[in-house]
Amino acid sequence: MTTDVLLTGFAPFDGAALNESWEAVRAAAPLLGERGIAAEALELPVEFGAASALLTKAVRELRPRLVIAVGLAAGRSAITPERVAINVRDARIPDNAGAQPIDEPVVEGGPVGRFSHLPVKAMVAALAADGIPAAVSQTAGTYVCNDVFYALLHLLETEPELAGIRGGFVHVPSADVVDSPAAARAVALMVEVALATEADVRLVGGAEH
């Protein structure tokens, strides 16, 4: 079984009724289908290890051209493609299974960081042109979002049979900042940009802090 794109979002966590990342992903998949891009949407548990294991299984089975994992960053004011994943688990709150790792690696012996395969600046530029607030993010945090992001890149960069698959991570803000239809449209647009863009554009996307 194959598909063009694998999209993932997360289940609700920390007492929330829903997770905007999953709402965006499951609505984006049919939008992409209408544009001739076969997309599969997968909901991941907010659990260290379990989420990346489920993603790994799906990547191996589907062999997509592109994988974009999406998570919720409720305090942000824009959609933020992530530039780099770091090899650390440091949970401010327990995950949905009650685990709260502190200062543990995502992958024992792995490099400190891995860079996204996505054209993050081109994606931000496309979103801005469409009137959707967007910015490059320099950190995906140290919770399950970063855990999945790092594990995904580690998988794609260490398993030869998966060579050529590109992957990365995007955070969406809460629905009061970018509503569900706009977030779904944004995810679909980022997929289209990523599929069409091999080398990222050279635009300012840095931060002072």
N, C-alpha and C. Protein backbone atom coordinates (compact mmCIF):
# COMPACT_ATOMS: atom_id res chain seq x y z
N MET A 1 0.85 -1.19 0.00
CA MET A 1 0.00 0.00 0.00
C MET A 1 0.88 1.24 0.00
N THR A 2 0.59 2.18 -0.89
CA THR A 2 1.38 3.40 -0.96
C THR A 2 0.47 4.62 -0.99
N THR A 3 1.03 5.77 -0.68
CA THR A 3 0.31 7.03 -0.74
C THR A 3 1.32 8.13 -1.02
N ASP A 4 0.85 9.26 -1.48
CA ASP A 4 1.75 10.39 -1.72
C ASP A 4 2.23 11.01 -0.42
N VAL A 5 1.29 11.20 0.49
CA VAL A 5 1.57 11.97 1.70
C VAL A 5 0.97 11.29 2.93
N LEU A 6 1.73 11.25 3.99
CA LEU A 6 1.23 10.82 5.29
C LEU A 6 1.19 12.04 6.20
N LEU A 7 0.00 12.34 6.71
CA LEU A 7 -0.18 13.44 7.65
C LEU A 7 -0.55 12.86 9.01
N THR A 8 0.03 13.41 10.06
CA THR A 8 -0.35 12.96 11.40
C THR A 8 -0.73 14.15 12.26
N GLY A 9 -1.69 13.93 13.14
CA GLY A 9 -2.07 14.88 14.18
C GLY A 9 -2.16 14.13 15.49
N PHE A 10 -2.44 14.85 16.55
CA PHE A 10 -2.46 14.23 17.87
C PHE A 10 -3.86 14.17 18.46
N ALA A 11 -4.05 13.17 19.32
CA ALA A 11 -5.26 13.07 20.12
C ALA A 11 -5.30 14.20 21.14
N PRO A 12 -6.47 14.46 21.74
CA PRO A 12 -6.54 15.47 22.80
C PRO A 12 -5.65 15.11 23.99
N PHE A 13 -5.21 16.11 24.73
CA PHE A 13 -4.38 15.87 25.91
C PHE A 13 -4.61 16.97 26.93
N ASP A 14 -4.13 16.73 28.13
CA ASP A 14 -4.20 17.71 29.22
C ASP A 14 -5.63 18.19 29.47
N GLY A 15 -6.58 17.29 29.32
CA GLY A 15 -7.97 17.60 29.64
C GLY A 15 -8.77 18.27 28.54
N ALA A 16 -8.16 18.51 27.38
CA ALA A 16 -8.87 19.18 26.28
C ALA A 16 -9.86 18.23 25.62
N ALA A 17 -10.91 18.80 25.01
CA ALA A 17 -11.92 17.99 24.34
C ALA A 17 -11.49 17.57 22.94
N LEU A 18 -10.63 18.36 22.32
CA LEU A 18 -10.14 18.04 20.99
C LEU A 18 -8.72 18.58 20.84
N ASN A 19 -8.08 18.18 19.76
CA ASN A 19 -6.74 18.67 19.46
C ASN A 19 -6.77 19.26 18.05
N GLU A 20 -6.47 20.54 17.95
CA GLU A 20 -6.56 21.24 16.67
C GLU A 20 -5.66 20.63 15.60
N SER A 21 -4.58 19.99 16.02
CA SER A 21 -3.69 19.38 15.02
C SER A 21 -4.40 18.26 14.27
N TRP A 22 -5.13 17.42 14.98
CA TRP A 22 -5.85 16.34 14.33
C TRP A 22 -7.02 16.88 13.50
N GLU A 23 -7.71 17.88 14.00
CA GLU A 23 -8.81 18.47 13.24
C GLU A 23 -8.30 19.02 11.91
N ALA A 24 -7.14 19.65 11.92
CA ALA A 24 -6.57 20.21 10.69
C ALA A 24 -6.15 19.11 9.73
N VAL A 25 -5.53 18.08 10.25
CA VAL A 25 -5.00 17.00 9.40
C VAL A 25 -6.13 16.20 8.75
N ARG A 26 -7.12 15.84 9.53
CA ARG A 26 -8.18 14.99 8.96
C ARG A 26 -9.02 15.75 7.95
N ALA A 27 -9.08 17.09 8.06
CA ALA A 27 -9.79 17.89 7.07
C ALA A 27 -8.91 18.18 5.86
N ALA A 28 -7.60 18.21 6.04
CA ALA A 28 -6.68 18.49 4.92
C ALA A 28 -6.58 17.32 3.95
N ALA A 29 -6.66 16.10 4.46
CA ALA A 29 -6.50 14.92 3.60
C ALA A 29 -7.48 14.90 2.43
N PRO A 30 -8.79 15.10 2.65
CA PRO A 30 -9.71 15.12 1.51
C PRO A 30 -9.49 16.32 0.59
N LEU A 31 -9.05 17.46 1.15
CA LEU A 31 -8.73 18.61 0.30
C LEU A 31 -7.63 18.24 -0.69
N LEU A 32 -6.63 17.53 -0.20
CA LEU A 32 -5.53 17.11 -1.07
C LEU A 32 -6.01 16.10 -2.10
N GLY A 33 -6.90 15.21 -1.68
CA GLY A 33 -7.45 14.23 -2.61
C GLY A 33 -8.16 14.90 -3.78
N GLU A 34 -8.85 16.00 -3.50
CA GLU A 34 -9.54 16.75 -4.55
C GLU A 34 -8.54 17.37 -5.53
N ARG A 35 -7.30 17.54 -5.09
CA ARG A 35 -6.27 18.14 -5.93
C ARG A 35 -5.36 17.08 -6.55
N GLY A 36 -5.77 15.81 -6.44
CA GLY A 36 -5.02 14.74 -7.06
C GLY A 36 -3.83 14.24 -6.26
N ILE A 37 -3.77 14.58 -4.98
CA ILE A 37 -2.69 14.13 -4.11
C ILE A 37 -3.26 13.15 -3.09
N ALA A 38 -2.81 11.90 -3.16
CA ALA A 38 -3.31 10.88 -2.23
C ALA A 38 -2.69 11.09 -0.86
N ALA A 39 -3.53 11.32 0.13
CA ALA A 39 -3.05 11.60 1.49
C ALA A 39 -3.75 10.72 2.50
N GLU A 40 -2.96 10.20 3.43
CA GLU A 40 -3.49 9.43 4.55
C GLU A 40 -3.33 10.25 5.82
N ALA A 41 -4.35 10.25 6.67
CA ALA A 41 -4.30 10.96 7.94
C ALA A 41 -4.28 9.94 9.08
N LEU A 42 -3.41 10.17 10.03
CA LEU A 42 -3.22 9.24 11.15
C LEU A 42 -3.21 10.02 12.46
N GLU A 43 -4.04 9.62 13.40
CA GLU A 43 -4.06 10.24 14.72
C GLU A 43 -3.08 9.52 15.64
N LEU A 44 -2.21 10.27 16.26
CA LEU A 44 -1.20 9.71 17.16
C LEU A 44 -1.59 9.96 18.62
N PRO A 45 -1.25 9.03 19.50
CA PRO A 45 -1.48 9.26 20.93
C PRO A 45 -0.47 10.25 21.48
N VAL A 46 -0.86 11.00 22.47
CA VAL A 46 0.09 11.92 23.12
C VAL A 46 0.83 11.13 24.19
N GLU A 47 1.73 10.26 23.70
CA GLU A 47 2.49 9.37 24.57
C GLU A 47 3.91 9.22 24.02
N PHE A 48 4.88 9.45 24.87
CA PHE A 48 6.27 9.28 24.47
C PHE A 48 6.49 7.83 24.00
N GLY A 49 7.16 7.69 22.89
CA GLY A 49 7.48 6.36 22.38
C GLY A 49 6.35 5.74 21.59
N ALA A 50 5.15 5.69 22.15
CA ALA A 50 4.02 5.06 21.47
C ALA A 50 3.65 5.83 20.21
N ALA A 51 3.70 7.14 20.27
CA ALA A 51 3.35 7.95 19.09
C ALA A 51 4.34 7.70 17.95
N SER A 52 5.62 7.72 18.27
CA SER A 52 6.63 7.53 17.22
C SER A 52 6.61 6.09 16.70
N ALA A 53 6.27 5.13 17.55
CA ALA A 53 6.18 3.74 17.10
C ALA A 53 5.04 3.58 16.09
N LEU A 54 3.91 4.21 16.35
CA LEU A 54 2.79 4.14 15.42
C LEU A 54 3.13 4.83 14.11
N LEU A 55 3.80 5.97 14.19
CA LEU A 55 4.22 6.69 12.98
C LEU A 55 5.22 5.85 12.18
N THR A 56 6.17 5.25 12.86
CA THR A 56 7.17 4.41 12.19
C THR A 56 6.50 3.28 11.42
N LYS A 57 5.54 2.62 12.04
CA LYS A 57 4.81 1.53 11.40
C LYS A 57 4.11 2.02 10.13
N ALA A 58 3.47 3.18 10.22
CA ALA A 58 2.74 3.71 9.07
C ALA A 58 3.69 4.09 7.93
N VAL A 59 4.84 4.69 8.26
CA VAL A 59 5.80 5.07 7.23
C VAL A 59 6.32 3.83 6.51
N ARG A 60 6.63 2.80 7.24
CA ARG A 60 7.15 1.57 6.64
C ARG A 60 6.11 0.89 5.75
N GLU A 61 4.85 0.97 6.16
CA GLU A 61 3.79 0.32 5.38
C GLU A 61 3.40 1.13 4.14
N LEU A 62 3.31 2.46 4.29
CA LEU A 62 2.78 3.30 3.23
C LEU A 62 3.84 3.78 2.24
N ARG A 63 5.07 3.93 2.72
CA ARG A 63 6.17 4.45 1.89
C ARG A 63 5.75 5.73 1.14
N PRO A 64 5.31 6.76 1.85
CA PRO A 64 4.87 7.98 1.18
C PRO A 64 6.06 8.77 0.63
N ARG A 65 5.78 9.70 -0.23
CA ARG A 65 6.82 10.62 -0.70
C ARG A 65 7.16 11.65 0.37
N LEU A 66 6.17 11.97 1.19
CA LEU A 66 6.29 13.07 2.14
C LEU A 66 5.55 12.72 3.43
N VAL A 67 6.15 13.08 4.57
CA VAL A 67 5.50 12.91 5.87
C VAL A 67 5.52 14.26 6.58
N ILE A 68 4.35 14.75 6.95
CA ILE A 68 4.28 15.97 7.76
C ILE A 68 3.48 15.65 9.02
N ALA A 69 4.17 15.72 10.14
CA ALA A 69 3.52 15.55 11.43
C ALA A 69 3.10 16.93 11.94
N VAL A 70 1.92 16.99 12.50
CA VAL A 70 1.36 18.27 12.95
C VAL A 70 1.01 18.16 14.43
N GLY A 71 1.32 19.22 15.17
CA GLY A 71 1.01 19.25 16.59
C GLY A 71 0.42 20.59 16.98
N LEU A 72 -0.09 20.68 18.18
CA LEU A 72 -0.71 21.89 18.70
C LEU A 72 0.27 22.67 19.57
N ALA A 73 0.39 23.97 19.27
CA ALA A 73 1.14 24.89 20.14
C ALA A 73 0.18 26.00 20.51
N ALA A 74 -0.55 25.79 21.59
CA ALA A 74 -1.68 26.66 21.92
C ALA A 74 -1.28 28.10 22.20
N GLY A 75 -0.06 28.33 22.63
CA GLY A 75 0.34 29.69 22.96
C GLY A 75 0.87 30.50 21.80
N ARG A 76 0.96 29.90 20.62
CA ARG A 76 1.54 30.61 19.48
C ARG A 76 0.48 31.39 18.70
N SER A 77 0.95 32.37 17.94
CA SER A 77 0.05 33.26 17.20
C SER A 77 0.10 33.02 15.70
N ALA A 78 0.70 31.90 15.28
CA ALA A 78 0.83 31.62 13.86
C ALA A 78 1.06 30.13 13.65
N ILE A 79 0.90 29.69 12.41
CA ILE A 79 1.30 28.33 12.03
C ILE A 79 2.81 28.34 11.87
N THR A 80 3.48 27.36 12.47
CA THR A 80 4.94 27.41 12.55
C THR A 80 5.59 26.10 12.11
N PRO A 81 6.06 26.03 10.87
CA PRO A 81 6.90 24.90 10.48
C PRO A 81 8.18 24.90 11.32
N GLU A 82 8.57 23.72 11.79
CA GLU A 82 9.71 23.61 12.69
C GLU A 82 11.01 23.37 11.92
N ARG A 83 12.06 24.06 12.33
CA ARG A 83 13.34 23.94 11.64
C ARG A 83 14.16 22.75 12.13
N VAL A 84 14.16 22.48 13.45
CA VAL A 84 15.08 21.47 13.98
C VAL A 84 14.44 20.69 15.12
N ALA A 85 14.71 19.39 15.16
CA ALA A 85 14.30 18.52 16.26
C ALA A 85 15.52 18.25 17.14
N ILE A 86 15.32 18.21 18.45
CA ILE A 86 16.44 17.97 19.35
C ILE A 86 16.25 16.65 20.09
N ASN A 87 17.38 16.04 20.43
CA ASN A 87 17.36 14.69 21.00
C ASN A 87 17.21 14.74 22.53
N VAL A 88 16.05 15.21 22.97
CA VAL A 88 15.81 15.25 24.41
C VAL A 88 14.31 15.16 24.69
N ARG A 89 14.01 14.44 25.77
CA ARG A 89 12.67 14.40 26.33
C ARG A 89 12.72 15.08 27.70
N ASP A 90 11.92 16.12 27.87
CA ASP A 90 11.88 16.83 29.15
C ASP A 90 10.46 17.35 29.31
N ALA A 91 9.60 16.56 29.94
CA ALA A 91 8.17 16.82 29.95
C ALA A 91 7.75 17.71 31.12
N ARG A 92 7.15 18.84 30.79
CA ARG A 92 6.62 19.74 31.83
C ARG A 92 5.41 19.12 32.51
N ILE A 93 4.61 18.38 31.72
CA ILE A 93 3.43 17.69 32.25
C ILE A 93 3.50 16.23 31.81
N PRO A 94 2.83 15.32 32.52
CA PRO A 94 2.82 13.92 32.07
C PRO A 94 2.11 13.77 30.74
N ASP A 95 2.48 12.76 29.97
CA ASP A 95 1.76 12.46 28.74
C ASP A 95 0.47 11.72 29.09
N ASN A 96 -0.28 11.31 28.08
CA ASN A 96 -1.57 10.68 28.34
C ASN A 96 -1.47 9.29 28.97
N ALA A 97 -0.26 8.73 29.01
CA ALA A 97 -0.05 7.46 29.69
C ALA A 97 0.55 7.65 31.08
N GLY A 98 0.74 8.91 31.47
CA GLY A 98 1.28 9.21 32.79
C GLY A 98 2.79 9.31 32.85
N ALA A 99 3.46 9.16 31.72
CA ALA A 99 4.93 9.24 31.70
C ALA A 99 5.37 10.70 31.71
N GLN A 100 6.42 10.98 32.45
CA GLN A 100 6.98 12.33 32.51
C GLN A 100 8.50 12.26 32.52
N PRO A 101 9.11 11.90 31.37
CA PRO A 101 10.58 11.80 31.32
C PRO A 101 11.24 13.15 31.51
N ILE A 102 12.39 13.13 32.14
CA ILE A 102 13.17 14.34 32.36
C ILE A 102 14.59 14.11 31.88
N ASP A 103 15.04 14.96 30.97
CA ASP A 103 16.43 14.92 30.47
C ASP A 103 16.83 13.54 29.93
N GLU A 104 15.93 12.94 29.17
CA GLU A 104 16.22 11.66 28.53
C GLU A 104 16.35 11.86 27.03
N PRO A 105 17.16 11.06 26.34
CA PRO A 105 17.24 11.18 24.88
C PRO A 105 16.03 10.56 24.20
N VAL A 106 15.70 11.08 23.04
CA VAL A 106 14.69 10.44 22.20
C VAL A 106 15.27 9.15 21.64
N VAL A 107 16.49 9.24 21.13
CA VAL A 107 17.21 8.09 20.58
C VAL A 107 18.58 8.02 21.25
N GLU A 108 18.82 6.99 22.01
CA GLU A 108 20.11 6.83 22.70
C GLU A 108 21.24 6.84 21.68
N GLY A 109 22.23 7.72 21.89
CA GLY A 109 23.38 7.79 21.01
C GLY A 109 23.16 8.58 19.73
N GLY A 110 21.96 9.11 19.54
CA GLY A 110 21.68 9.89 18.34
C GLY A 110 22.30 11.27 18.42
N PRO A 111 22.41 11.96 17.28
CA PRO A 111 22.96 13.32 17.29
C PRO A 111 22.08 14.27 18.09
N VAL A 112 22.67 15.37 18.51
CA VAL A 112 21.95 16.34 19.33
C VAL A 112 20.71 16.86 18.62
N GLY A 113 20.84 17.12 17.32
CA GLY A 113 19.70 17.65 16.57
C GLY A 113 19.65 17.10 15.16
N ARG A 114 18.48 17.20 14.55
CA ARG A 114 18.30 16.85 13.13
C ARG A 114 17.42 17.92 12.50
N PHE A 115 17.82 18.35 11.30
CA PHE A 115 17.08 19.41 10.62
C PHE A 115 15.93 18.84 9.79
N SER A 116 14.83 19.59 9.75
CA SER A 116 13.68 19.24 8.94
C SER A 116 14.09 19.06 7.49
N HIS A 117 13.40 18.17 6.80
CA HIS A 117 13.59 18.00 5.36
C HIS A 117 12.68 18.93 4.57
N LEU A 118 11.80 19.64 5.24
CA LEU A 118 10.80 20.45 4.56
C LEU A 118 11.34 21.83 4.20
N PRO A 119 10.83 22.44 3.12
CA PRO A 119 11.20 23.80 2.76
C PRO A 119 10.43 24.79 3.64
N VAL A 120 10.87 24.92 4.89
CA VAL A 120 10.07 25.64 5.88
C VAL A 120 9.84 27.10 5.52
N LYS A 121 10.83 27.75 4.91
CA LYS A 121 10.66 29.16 4.56
C LYS A 121 9.74 29.34 3.37
N ALA A 122 9.83 28.44 2.41
CA ALA A 122 8.91 28.50 1.28
C ALA A 122 7.48 28.24 1.74
N MET A 123 7.30 27.37 2.70
CA MET A 123 5.99 27.09 3.25
C MET A 123 5.42 28.31 3.96
N VAL A 124 6.25 28.96 4.76
CA VAL A 124 5.82 30.17 5.47
C VAL A 124 5.44 31.27 4.47
N ALA A 125 6.25 31.44 3.43
CA ALA A 125 5.96 32.47 2.43
C ALA A 125 4.63 32.20 1.72
N ALA A 126 4.36 30.94 1.42
CA ALA A 126 3.11 30.59 0.75
C ALA A 126 1.91 30.85 1.66
N LEU A 127 2.04 30.52 2.93
CA LEU A 127 0.96 30.78 3.87
C LEU A 127 0.70 32.27 4.01
N ALA A 128 1.77 33.04 4.15
CA ALA A 128 1.63 34.49 4.29
C ALA A 128 0.93 35.09 3.06
N ALA A 129 1.29 34.60 1.88
CA ALA A 129 0.67 35.09 0.65
C ALA A 129 -0.81 34.75 0.60
N ASP A 130 -1.22 33.72 1.32
CA ASP A 130 -2.62 33.30 1.38
C ASP A 130 -3.35 33.94 2.55
N GLY A 131 -2.67 34.83 3.26
CA GLY A 131 -3.30 35.53 4.37
C GLY A 131 -3.36 34.76 5.66
N ILE A 132 -2.56 33.72 5.78
CA ILE A 132 -2.55 32.90 7.00
C ILE A 132 -1.30 33.24 7.80
N PRO A 133 -1.43 33.59 9.07
CA PRO A 133 -0.25 33.93 9.86
C PRO A 133 0.69 32.74 9.98
N ALA A 134 1.98 32.99 9.70
CA ALA A 134 2.95 31.89 9.68
C ALA A 134 4.33 32.43 9.99
N ALA A 135 5.16 31.58 10.57
CA ALA A 135 6.55 31.93 10.88
C ALA A 135 7.36 30.66 11.06
N VAL A 136 8.64 30.74 10.79
CA VAL A 136 9.54 29.63 11.06
C VAL A 136 9.74 29.53 12.57
N SER A 137 9.69 28.33 13.10
CA SER A 137 9.98 28.10 14.52
C SER A 137 11.32 27.39 14.65
N GLN A 138 12.08 27.80 15.65
CA GLN A 138 13.41 27.22 15.88
C GLN A 138 13.37 26.07 16.88
N THR A 139 12.23 25.83 17.51
CA THR A 139 12.15 24.74 18.48
C THR A 139 10.75 24.14 18.54
N ALA A 140 10.69 22.83 18.56
CA ALA A 140 9.41 22.12 18.70
C ALA A 140 9.16 21.73 20.15
N GLY A 141 9.92 22.33 21.08
CA GLY A 141 9.75 22.02 22.49
C GLY A 141 10.48 20.73 22.88
N THR A 142 10.09 20.18 24.01
CA THR A 142 10.72 18.94 24.50
C THR A 142 9.67 17.92 24.93
N TYR A 143 8.46 18.09 24.42
CA TYR A 143 7.35 17.20 24.77
C TYR A 143 7.14 16.18 23.63
N VAL A 144 5.97 15.64 23.49
CA VAL A 144 5.73 14.56 22.53
C VAL A 144 5.85 15.04 21.08
N CYS A 145 5.55 16.31 20.81
CA CYS A 145 5.71 16.83 19.45
C CYS A 145 7.16 16.68 18.99
N ASN A 146 8.08 17.17 19.79
CA ASN A 146 9.49 17.04 19.43
C ASN A 146 9.93 15.58 19.39
N ASP A 147 9.38 14.78 20.28
CA ASP A 147 9.70 13.35 20.32
C ASP A 147 9.39 12.70 18.97
N VAL A 148 8.20 12.98 18.45
CA VAL A 148 7.78 12.44 17.15
C VAL A 148 8.63 13.02 16.02
N PHE A 149 8.89 14.32 16.07
CA PHE A 149 9.68 15.00 15.05
C PHE A 149 11.08 14.39 14.94
N TYR A 150 11.75 14.25 16.09
CA TYR A 150 13.10 13.69 16.07
C TYR A 150 13.08 12.23 15.63
N ALA A 151 12.15 11.46 16.15
CA ALA A 151 12.08 10.04 15.79
C ALA A 151 11.81 9.85 14.30
N LEU A 152 10.96 10.72 13.74
CA LEU A 152 10.67 10.64 12.31
C LEU A 152 11.93 10.89 11.48
N LEU A 153 12.65 11.95 11.79
CA LEU A 153 13.86 12.26 11.04
C LEU A 153 14.91 11.18 11.22
N HIS A 154 15.03 10.66 12.44
CA HIS A 154 15.99 9.58 12.69
C HIS A 154 15.64 8.36 11.83
N LEU A 155 14.37 8.02 11.77
CA LEU A 155 13.92 6.88 10.96
C LEU A 155 14.28 7.08 9.50
N LEU A 156 13.94 8.24 8.95
CA LEU A 156 14.14 8.49 7.52
C LEU A 156 15.62 8.59 7.15
N GLU A 157 16.44 8.97 8.11
CA GLU A 157 17.86 9.17 7.83
C GLU A 157 18.73 7.96 8.17
N THR A 158 18.15 6.94 8.78
CA THR A 158 18.95 5.78 9.17
C THR A 158 18.50 4.47 8.54
N GLU A 159 17.33 4.44 7.93
CA GLU A 159 16.86 3.23 7.26
C GLU A 159 16.99 3.40 5.75
N PRO A 160 17.94 2.72 5.12
CA PRO A 160 18.20 2.91 3.69
C PRO A 160 16.99 2.69 2.81
N GLU A 161 16.11 1.78 3.18
CA GLU A 161 14.95 1.50 2.35
C GLU A 161 13.94 2.65 2.34
N LEU A 162 14.11 3.59 3.28
CA LEU A 162 13.22 4.76 3.34
C LEU A 162 13.89 6.01 2.76
N ALA A 163 15.06 5.84 2.18
CA ALA A 163 15.79 6.97 1.59
C ALA A 163 14.93 7.65 0.53
N GLY A 164 14.94 8.96 0.55
CA GLY A 164 14.16 9.73 -0.42
C GLY A 164 12.85 10.23 0.12
N ILE A 165 12.37 9.65 1.21
CA ILE A 165 11.16 10.16 1.85
C ILE A 165 11.54 11.40 2.65
N ARG A 166 10.79 12.47 2.47
CA ARG A 166 11.06 13.71 3.20
C ARG A 166 10.07 13.86 4.35
N GLY A 167 10.54 14.39 5.47
CA GLY A 167 9.68 14.52 6.62
C GLY A 167 9.95 15.78 7.41
N GLY A 168 8.96 16.18 8.18
CA GLY A 168 9.12 17.34 9.04
C GLY A 168 7.92 17.53 9.93
N PHE A 169 7.92 18.64 10.65
CA PHE A 169 6.90 18.88 11.67
C PHE A 169 6.41 20.32 11.57
N VAL A 170 5.11 20.49 11.83
CA VAL A 170 4.48 21.81 11.84
C VAL A 170 3.61 21.93 13.08
N HIS A 171 3.68 23.08 13.73
CA HIS A 171 2.76 23.37 14.82
C HIS A 171 1.64 24.29 14.35
N VAL A 172 0.42 24.00 14.76
CA VAL A 172 -0.70 24.90 14.53
C VAL A 172 -1.10 25.52 15.86
N PRO A 173 -1.58 26.77 15.84
CA PRO A 173 -2.05 27.39 17.09
C PRO A 173 -3.47 26.96 17.41
N SER A 174 -4.00 27.45 18.50
CA SER A 174 -5.36 27.11 18.88
C SER A 174 -6.36 27.70 17.89
N ALA A 175 -7.58 27.18 17.91
CA ALA A 175 -8.58 27.54 16.91
C ALA A 175 -9.01 28.99 16.99
N ASP A 176 -8.82 29.65 18.13
CA ASP A 176 -9.18 31.06 18.22
C ASP A 176 -8.18 31.95 17.49
N VAL A 177 -7.03 31.40 17.12
CA VAL A 177 -6.03 32.14 16.33
C VAL A 177 -6.18 31.81 14.85
N VAL A 178 -6.18 30.53 14.53
CA VAL A 178 -6.42 30.06 13.16
C VAL A 178 -7.51 28.99 13.25
N ASP A 179 -8.68 29.28 12.67
CA ASP A 179 -9.79 28.34 12.82
C ASP A 179 -9.55 27.06 12.02
N SER A 180 -10.39 26.06 12.27
CA SER A 180 -10.16 24.74 11.69
C SER A 180 -10.13 24.73 10.16
N PRO A 181 -11.07 25.40 9.47
CA PRO A 181 -10.99 25.40 8.00
C PRO A 181 -9.71 26.04 7.47
N ALA A 182 -9.29 27.13 8.10
CA ALA A 182 -8.06 27.79 7.66
C ALA A 182 -6.84 26.93 7.94
N ALA A 183 -6.83 26.24 9.08
CA ALA A 183 -5.71 25.37 9.42
C ALA A 183 -5.62 24.20 8.43
N ALA A 184 -6.77 23.64 8.07
CA ALA A 184 -6.79 22.54 7.09
C ALA A 184 -6.29 23.03 5.74
N ARG A 185 -6.74 24.21 5.32
CA ARG A 185 -6.27 24.78 4.06
C ARG A 185 -4.77 25.02 4.10
N ALA A 186 -4.28 25.46 5.25
CA ALA A 186 -2.86 25.72 5.41
C ALA A 186 -2.05 24.43 5.30
N VAL A 187 -2.51 23.37 5.94
CA VAL A 187 -1.80 22.08 5.86
C VAL A 187 -1.74 21.61 4.42
N ALA A 188 -2.86 21.70 3.71
CA ALA A 188 -2.89 21.27 2.31
C ALA A 188 -1.93 22.10 1.47
N LEU A 189 -1.90 23.40 1.71
CA LEU A 189 -1.00 24.27 0.96
C LEU A 189 0.45 23.94 1.26
N MET A 190 0.78 23.67 2.51
CA MET A 190 2.16 23.32 2.86
C MET A 190 2.59 22.01 2.20
N VAL A 191 1.67 21.07 2.10
CA VAL A 191 1.97 19.82 1.40
C VAL A 191 2.30 20.10 -0.05
N GLU A 192 1.48 20.91 -0.70
CA GLU A 192 1.72 21.23 -2.11
C GLU A 192 3.06 21.91 -2.31
N VAL A 193 3.39 22.84 -1.43
CA VAL A 193 4.68 23.54 -1.52
C VAL A 193 5.83 22.56 -1.32
N ALA A 194 5.70 21.69 -0.33
CA ALA A 194 6.78 20.74 -0.04
C ALA A 194 7.00 19.77 -1.20
N LEU A 195 5.92 19.32 -1.82
CA LEU A 195 6.05 18.40 -2.94
C LEU A 195 6.68 19.07 -4.15
N ALA A 196 6.48 20.38 -4.29
CA ALA A 196 6.96 21.10 -5.47
C ALA A 196 8.32 21.77 -5.27
N THR A 197 8.83 21.77 -4.04
CA THR A 197 10.03 22.55 -3.72
C THR A 197 11.13 21.63 -3.20
N GLU A 198 12.20 21.48 -3.94
CA GLU A 198 13.33 20.66 -3.52
C GLU A 198 14.25 21.43 -2.58
N ALA A 199 14.62 22.65 -2.99
CA ALA A 199 15.53 23.49 -2.19
C ALA A 199 14.74 24.67 -1.64
N ASP A 200 14.91 24.95 -0.37
CA ASP A 200 14.17 26.03 0.28
C ASP A 200 14.58 27.38 -0.29
N VAL A 201 13.68 28.34 -0.16
CA VAL A 201 13.98 29.70 -0.59
C VAL A 201 14.85 30.39 0.47
N ARG A 202 15.56 31.42 0.04
CA ARG A 202 16.44 32.14 0.94
C ARG A 202 15.76 33.41 1.42
N LEU A 203 15.09 33.31 2.56
CA LEU A 203 14.37 34.41 3.16
C LEU A 203 14.73 34.49 4.63
N VAL A 204 14.58 35.67 5.22
CA VAL A 204 14.82 35.81 6.65
C VAL A 204 13.80 34.98 7.42
N GLY A 205 14.29 34.18 8.35
CA GLY A 205 13.39 33.36 9.16
C GLY A 205 13.96 33.10 10.54
N GLY A 206 14.99 33.87 10.89
CA GLY A 206 15.66 33.66 12.17
C GLY A 206 14.95 34.35 13.33
N ALA A 207 15.54 34.24 14.50
CA ALA A 207 14.97 34.82 15.71
C ALA A 207 16.08 35.25 16.65
N GLU A 208 15.79 36.28 17.45
CA GLU A 208 16.78 36.75 18.43
C GLU A 208 16.72 35.97 19.73
N HIS A 209 15.61 35.26 19.94
CA HIS A 209 15.46 34.50 21.20
C HIS A 209 14.50 33.36 21.01
